[in-house]
C-alpha atoms as a PDB file:
ATOM      1  CA  MET A   1     119.775  95.036 103.171  1.00  0.00           C
ATOM      2  CA  GLU A   2     120.793  97.502 106.596  1.00  0.00           C
ATOM      3  CA  GLU A   3     117.798  99.285 108.036  1.00  0.00           C
ATOM      4  CA  PHE A   4     117.525 103.119 107.534  1.00  0.00           C
ATOM      5  CA  TYR A   5     116.951 104.946 110.717  1.00  0.00           C
ATOM      6  CA  ASP A   6     117.405 108.718 111.418  1.00  0.00           C
ATOM      7  CA  ALA A   7     115.678 110.653 114.054  1.00  0.00           C
ATOM      8  CA  ALA A   8     114.947 114.044 112.374  1.00  0.00           C
ATOM      9  CA  SER A   9     113.770 111.717 109.141  1.00  0.00           C
ATOM     10  CA  GLU A  10     111.688 109.927 111.445  1.00  0.00           C
ATOM     11  CA  LYS A  11     110.454 112.906 113.554  1.00  0.00           C
ATOM     12  CA  TYR A  12     109.566 114.863 110.439  1.00  0.00           C
ATOM     13  CA  LYS A  13     108.608 112.142 108.224  1.00  0.00           C
ATOM     14  CA  LYS A  14     111.162 114.090 105.456  1.00  0.00           C
ATOM     15  CA  TYR A  15     114.256 111.758 103.807  1.00  0.00           C
ATOM     16  CA  LEU A  16     117.550 112.287 101.930  1.00  0.00           C
ATOM     17  CA  LEU A  17     118.050 110.897  98.322  1.00  0.00           C
ATOM     18  CA  GLN A  18     120.882 110.541  96.596  1.00  0.00           C
ATOM     19  CA  VAL A  19     120.242 111.267  92.906  1.00  0.00           C
ATOM     20  CA  ILE A  20     122.605 110.105  89.935  1.00  0.00           C
ATOM     21  CA  TYR A  21     122.261 112.418  86.979  1.00  0.00           C
ATOM     22  CA  LYS A  22     124.550 112.911  83.892  1.00  0.00           C
ATOM     23  CA  ASP A  23     127.400 110.878  86.195  1.00  0.00           C
ATOM     24  CA  GLU A  24     126.653 113.225  88.989  1.00  0.00           C
ATOM     25  CA  THR A  25     125.624 113.049  92.354  1.00  0.00           C
ATOM     26  CA  TYR A  26     123.212 115.444  93.865  1.00  0.00           C
ATOM     27  CA  TYR A  27     120.667 115.006  96.695  1.00  0.00           C
ATOM     28  CA  THR A  28     117.026 115.974  96.981  1.00  0.00           C
ATOM     29  CA  VAL A  29     114.151 115.493  99.572  1.00  0.00           C
ATOM     30  CA  SER A  30     110.971 113.193  99.569  1.00  0.00           C
ATOM     31  CA  GLY A  31     108.589 113.096 102.484  1.00  0.00           C
ATOM     32  CA  THR A  32     105.355 113.622 103.920  1.00  0.00           C
ATOM     33  CA  ASP A  33     103.887 117.288 103.824  1.00  0.00           C
ATOM     34  CA  MET A  34     102.045 116.855 107.107  1.00  0.00           C
ATOM     35  CA  SER A  35     100.432 119.866 105.988  1.00  0.00           C
ATOM     36  CA  ASP A  36      98.644 118.529 103.247  1.00  0.00           C
ATOM     37  CA  ASN A  37      96.897 115.101 104.017  1.00  0.00           C
ATOM     38  CA  ASP A  38     100.358 113.416 104.683  1.00  0.00           C
ATOM     39  CA  THR A  39     100.669 113.285 100.962  1.00  0.00           C
ATOM     40  CA  ASP A  40     104.065 111.864  99.528  1.00  0.00           C
ATOM     41  CA  ARG A  41     105.938 114.895  98.033  1.00  0.00           C
ATOM     42  CA  LEU A  42     109.630 115.537  96.379  1.00  0.00           C
ATOM     43  CA  LEU A  43     111.436 118.631  96.704  1.00  0.00           C
ATOM     44  CA  THR A  44     110.212 121.296  93.519  1.00  0.00           C
ATOM     45  CA  ASP A  45     110.571 124.625  93.083  1.00  0.00           C
ATOM     46  CA  LYS A  46     107.804 127.166  91.937  1.00  0.00           C
ATOM     47  CA  ASP A  47     107.699 125.606  88.376  1.00  0.00           C
ATOM     48  CA  GLY A  48     107.069 122.234  89.621  1.00  0.00           C
ATOM     49  CA  LYS A  49     110.988 120.625  89.043  1.00  0.00           C
ATOM     50  CA  ILE A  50     113.017 118.369  91.020  1.00  0.00           C
ATOM     51  CA  CYS A  51     115.292 120.506  92.535  1.00  0.00           C
ATOM     52  CA  LEU A  52     118.824 118.911  92.644  1.00  0.00           C
ATOM     53  CA  TYR A  53     121.610 120.095  95.010  1.00  0.00           C
ATOM     54  CA  ALA A  54     125.201 119.425  94.529  1.00  0.00           C
ATOM     55  CA  ASP A  55     125.813 118.900  98.310  1.00  0.00           C
ATOM     56  CA  LEU A  56     124.035 118.737 102.004  1.00  0.00           C
ATOM     57  CA  PRO A  57     125.186 122.607 102.991  1.00  0.00           C
ATOM     58  CA  ALA A  58     123.524 123.720  99.354  1.00  0.00           C
ATOM     59  CA  LEU A  59     120.287 121.399 100.211  1.00  0.00           C
ATOM     60  CA  ARG A  60     120.302 122.649 103.740  1.00  0.00           C
ATOM     61  CA  LYS A  61     120.367 126.477 102.409  1.00  0.00           C
ATOM     62  CA  GLY A  62     117.638 125.856  99.670  1.00  0.00           C
ATOM     63  CA  ILE A  63     115.649 124.697 102.710  1.00  0.00           C
ATOM     64  CA  GLU A  64     116.550 127.141 105.363  1.00  0.00           C
ATOM     65  CA  GLU A  65     115.785 129.931 102.857  1.00  0.00           C
ATOM     66  CA  GLY A  66     112.540 128.776 102.062  1.00  0.00           C
ATOM     67  CA  ILE A  67     112.631 129.196  98.336  1.00  0.00           C
ATOM     68  CA  ILE A  68     112.035 125.778  97.713  1.00  0.00           C
ATOM     69  CA  THR A  69     109.783 123.748 100.086  1.00  0.00           C
ATOM     70  CA  PHE A  70     106.739 121.648 101.289  1.00  0.00           C
ATOM     71  CA  ASP A  71     105.329 121.474 104.586  1.00  0.00           C
ATOM     72  CA  THR A  72     107.626 124.499 105.562  1.00  0.00           C
ATOM     73  CA  PRO A  73     108.123 124.253 109.086  1.00  0.00           C
ATOM     74  CA  ASN A  74     108.818 120.691 109.511  1.00  0.00           C
ATOM     75  CA  LEU A  75     110.974 120.810 106.359  1.00  0.00           C
ATOM     76  CA  GLN A  76     112.715 123.567 107.537  1.00  0.00           C
ATOM     77  CA  ALA A  77     113.095 121.836 111.335  1.00  0.00           C
ATOM     78  CA  TRP A  78     114.493 118.741 109.276  1.00  0.00           C
ATOM     79  CA  GLY A  79     116.828 120.693 107.234  1.00  0.00           C
ATOM     80  CA  LYS A  80     118.192 122.022 110.524  1.00  0.00           C
ATOM     81  CA  GLU A  81     119.030 118.798 112.126  1.00  0.00           C
ATOM     82  CA  ILE A  82     120.721 116.520 109.367  1.00  0.00           C
ATOM     83  CA  ASN A  83     124.355 117.224 108.931  1.00  0.00           C
ATOM     84  CA  GLU A  84     127.104 116.155 106.284  1.00  0.00           C
ATOM     85  CA  THR A  85     127.440 112.892 107.673  1.00  0.00           C
ATOM     86  CA  ASP A  86     124.226 111.680 107.206  1.00  0.00           C
ATOM     87  CA  THR A  87     123.660 109.344 104.392  1.00  0.00           C
ATOM     88  CA  ALA A  88     120.906 108.685 102.134  1.00  0.00           C
ATOM     89  CA  TYR A  89     117.737 107.152 102.650  1.00  0.00           C
ATOM     90  CA  THR A  90     117.887 105.225  99.206  1.00  0.00           C
ATOM     91  CA  GLY A  91     119.878 106.466  96.116  1.00  0.00           C
ATOM     92  CA  PHE A  92     118.900 105.740  92.327  1.00  0.00           C
ATOM     93  CA  ASP A  93     120.388 106.875  89.124  1.00  0.00           C
ATOM     94  CA  PHE A  94     118.225 108.375  86.344  1.00  0.00           C
ATOM     95  CA  SER A  95     120.333 107.051  84.006  1.00  0.00           C
ATOM     96  CA  SER A  96     119.319 103.846  84.260  1.00  0.00           C
ATOM     97  CA  LEU A  97     116.428 104.891  82.307  1.00  0.00           C
ATOM     98  CA  LYS A  98     118.468 105.325  79.130  1.00  0.00           C
ATOM     99  CA  ALA A  99     119.798 101.709  79.294  1.00  0.00           C
ATOM    100  CA  GLU A 100     120.080 100.703  75.274  1.00  0.00           C
ATOM    101  CA  ILE A 101     120.244  96.802  76.606  1.00  0.00           C
ATOM    102  CA  LEU A 102     118.680  95.163  79.624  1.00  0.00           C
ATOM    103  CA  GLU A 103     119.286  91.191  80.460  1.00  0.00           C
ATOM    104  CA  ALA A 104     117.169  89.533  82.809  1.00  0.00           C
ATOM    105  CA  ASP A 105     120.468  88.682  84.608  1.00  0.00           C
ATOM    106  CA  ASP A 106     121.525  91.889  85.059  1.00  0.00           C
ATOM    107  CA  ASP A 107     119.677  92.146  89.013  1.00  0.00           C
ATOM    108  CA  PRO A 108     121.695  95.383  89.596  1.00  0.00           C
ATOM    109  CA  LEU A 109     120.639  97.584  86.591  1.00  0.00           C
ATOM    110  CA  LEU A 110     117.043  96.440  86.942  1.00  0.00           C
ATOM    111  CA  TYR A 111     117.441  96.983  90.337  1.00  0.00           C
ATOM    112  CA  GLU A 112     118.070 100.776  89.806  1.00  0.00           C
ATOM    113  CA  ILE A 113     115.275 101.099  86.899  1.00  0.00           C
ATOM    114  CA  TYR A 114     112.801  99.824  89.197  1.00  0.00           C
ATOM    115  CA  GLY A 115     114.095 102.814  91.830  1.00  0.00           C
ATOM    116  CA  ALA A 116     114.076 105.462  89.437  1.00  0.00           C
ATOM    117  CA  LEU A 117     110.826 104.477  88.070  1.00  0.00           C
ATOM    118  CA  GLY A 118     109.335 104.812  91.700  1.00  0.00           C
ATOM    119  CA  VAL A 119     110.538 108.212  92.241  1.00  0.00           C
ATOM    120  CA  VAL A 120     109.688 109.154  88.832  1.00  0.00           C
ATOM    121  CA  LYS A 121     105.823 108.011  89.184  1.00  0.00           C
ATOM    122  CA  ASP A 122     105.726 109.904  92.550  1.00  0.00           C
ATOM    123  CA  TYR A 123     106.818 113.164  90.905  1.00  0.00           C
ATOM    124  CA  ALA A 124     104.739 112.636  88.132  1.00  0.00           C
ATOM    125  CA  LEU A 125     101.703 112.137  90.364  1.00  0.00           C
ATOM    126  CA  GLN A 126     102.507 114.889  92.306  1.00  0.00           C
ATOM    127  CA  GLU A 127     103.202 117.394  89.530  1.00  0.00           C
ATOM    128  CA  ASN A 128      99.741 115.579  87.291  1.00  0.00           C
ATOM    129  CA  VAL A 129     102.521 115.410  84.184  1.00  0.00           C
ATOM    130  CA  THR A 130     100.045 113.183  81.905  1.00  0.00           C
ATOM    131  CA  GLU A 131     102.693 112.926  79.781  1.00  0.00           C
ATOM    132  CA  LEU A 132     104.728 110.382  82.191  1.00  0.00           C
ATOM    133  CA  LEU A 133     101.559 109.157  83.910  1.00  0.00           C
ATOM    134  CA  SER A 134     100.867 107.466  80.779  1.00  0.00           C
ATOM    135  CA  LEU A 135     104.025 105.889  79.978  1.00  0.00           C
ATOM    136  CA  LEU A 136     104.790 104.762  83.760  1.00  0.00           C
ATOM    137  CA  ASN A 137     100.888 103.273  83.416  1.00  0.00           C
ATOM    138  CA  SER A 138     101.615 101.263  80.449  1.00  0.00           C
ATOM    139  CA  ASP A 139     101.109  97.465  80.007  1.00  0.00           C
ATOM    140  CA  ILE A 140     104.319  96.688  79.820  1.00  0.00           C
ATOM    141  CA  VAL A 141     106.041  99.534  82.670  1.00  0.00           C
ATOM    142  CA  GLU A 142     103.412  98.166  85.028  1.00  0.00           C
ATOM    143  CA  GLU A 143     104.399  94.162  84.120  1.00  0.00           C
ATOM    144  CA  TYR A 144     107.888  95.041  84.885  1.00  0.00           C
ATOM    145  CA  MET A 145     107.386  96.977  88.173  1.00  0.00           C
ATOM    146  CA  GLU A 146     105.100  93.989  89.422  1.00  0.00           C
ATOM    147  CA  ILE A 147     107.980  91.516  88.626  1.00  0.00           C
ATOM    148  CA  CYS A 148     110.695  93.885  90.136  1.00  0.00           C
ATOM    149  CA  ALA A 149     108.579  94.042  93.268  1.00  0.00           C
ATOM    150  CA  ASP A 150     108.166  90.339  93.785  1.00  0.00           C
ATOM    151  CA  LEU A 151     111.966  90.257  93.021  1.00  0.00           C
ATOM    152  CA  PHE A 152     113.379  92.591  95.046  1.00  0.00           C
ATOM    153  CA  LEU A 153     110.846  93.201  98.188  1.00  0.00           C
ATOM    154  CA  TRP A 154     108.494  90.450  98.443  1.00  0.00           C
ATOM    155  CA  SER A 155     109.515  86.730  99.346  1.00  0.00           C
ATOM    156  CA  SER A 156     109.038  85.122  96.199  1.00  0.00           C
ATOM    157  CA  ASP A 157     109.809  81.715  94.568  1.00  0.00           C
ATOM    158  CA  THR A 158     111.957  83.087  91.970  1.00  0.00           C
ATOM    159  CA  ASP A 159     115.512  83.953  92.323  1.00  0.00           C
ATOM    160  CA  SER A 160     115.834  86.115  88.841  1.00  0.00           C
ATOM    161  CA  PHE A 161     114.121  87.732  86.800  1.00  0.00           C
ATOM    162  CA  ARG A 162     111.612  86.016  84.303  1.00  0.00           C
ATOM    163  CA  GLU A 163     113.523  85.765  81.042  1.00  0.00           C
ATOM    164  CA  ASP A 164     110.250  85.766  78.821  1.00  0.00           C
ATOM    165  CA  PHE A 165     109.862  89.293  79.909  1.00  0.00           C
ATOM    166  CA  ASP A 166     109.984  91.765  76.634  1.00  0.00           C
ATOM    167  CA  PHE A 167     112.954  94.017  77.255  1.00  0.00           C
ATOM    168  CA  GLU A 168     113.502  95.069  74.008  1.00  0.00           C
ATOM    169  CA  SER A 169     109.493  96.641  74.238  1.00  0.00           C
ATOM    170  CA  LEU A 170     110.464  98.121  77.381  1.00  0.00           C
ATOM    171  CA  VAL A 171     113.992  99.970  76.676  1.00  0.00           C
ATOM    172  CA  PRO A 172     111.790 102.057  74.317  1.00  0.00           C
ATOM    173  CA  VAL A 173     109.695 103.344  76.956  1.00  0.00           C
ATOM    174  CA  LEU A 174     111.903 103.928  79.407  1.00  0.00           C
ATOM    175  CA  ASN A 175     114.276 106.031  76.969  1.00  0.00           C
ATOM    176  CA  LYS A 176     110.887 108.143  76.786  1.00  0.00           C
ATOM    177  CA  ILE A 177     110.442 108.402  80.096  1.00  0.00           C
ATOM    178  CA  TYR A 178     113.934 109.852  80.640  1.00  0.00           C
ATOM    179  CA  ALA A 179     113.570 112.149  77.771  1.00  0.00           C
ATOM    180  CA  LEU A 180     110.258 113.579  79.242  1.00  0.00           C
ATOM    181  CA  LEU A 181     111.609 113.637  83.032  1.00  0.00           C
ATOM    182  CA  GLU A 182     114.557 115.590  81.875  1.00  0.00           C
ATOM    183  CA  PRO A 183     113.257 119.180  81.640  1.00  0.00           C
ATOM    184  CA  HIS A 184     111.554 118.414  84.938  1.00  0.00           C
ATOM    185  CA  LEU A 185     114.970 118.205  86.650  1.00  0.00           C
ATOM    186  CA  LYS A 186     116.602 121.279  87.961  1.00  0.00           C
ATOM    187  CA  ILE A 187     120.115 121.462  89.189  1.00  0.00           C
ATOM    188  CA  VAL A 188     120.466 124.436  91.782  1.00  0.00           C
END
């Protein structure tokens, strides 16, 4: 995988995220809130909803206007330095959490779910969404995340997902996570 590097992102510790939601592409920001003990944050509105923008100009305008922000001076400086040709630090598809059937050999979908769950957990921690945290900290989700980390991130002896993993138990939990997440998304 190609290593991401963007001078503005590294300087301000803010990263462009590409989000697929309901088959549409949106953008948001994740980063370190340098004004709050380097806390990791997602871009949310005053009601704590994750803000999704249809394109980079709209995202830049929202940041510039300061309506939706964290770490205001650094986020606004970062927003001025990004442009329409910038690529996202990472991307994920929230609809992967609505999968009805999961199989051990479907690495692209399993990886997509892994990424989406990571962002949802960051959000749930940020906003202290107890219902989401309860599901995200369930044994089945934690086991899934651990297996994915070994498979996709770290060097391991395995090159495929464990065949004996209980996907049938995971699917309804993922579907509940998606249902709880949806009201916390705001298309700006």
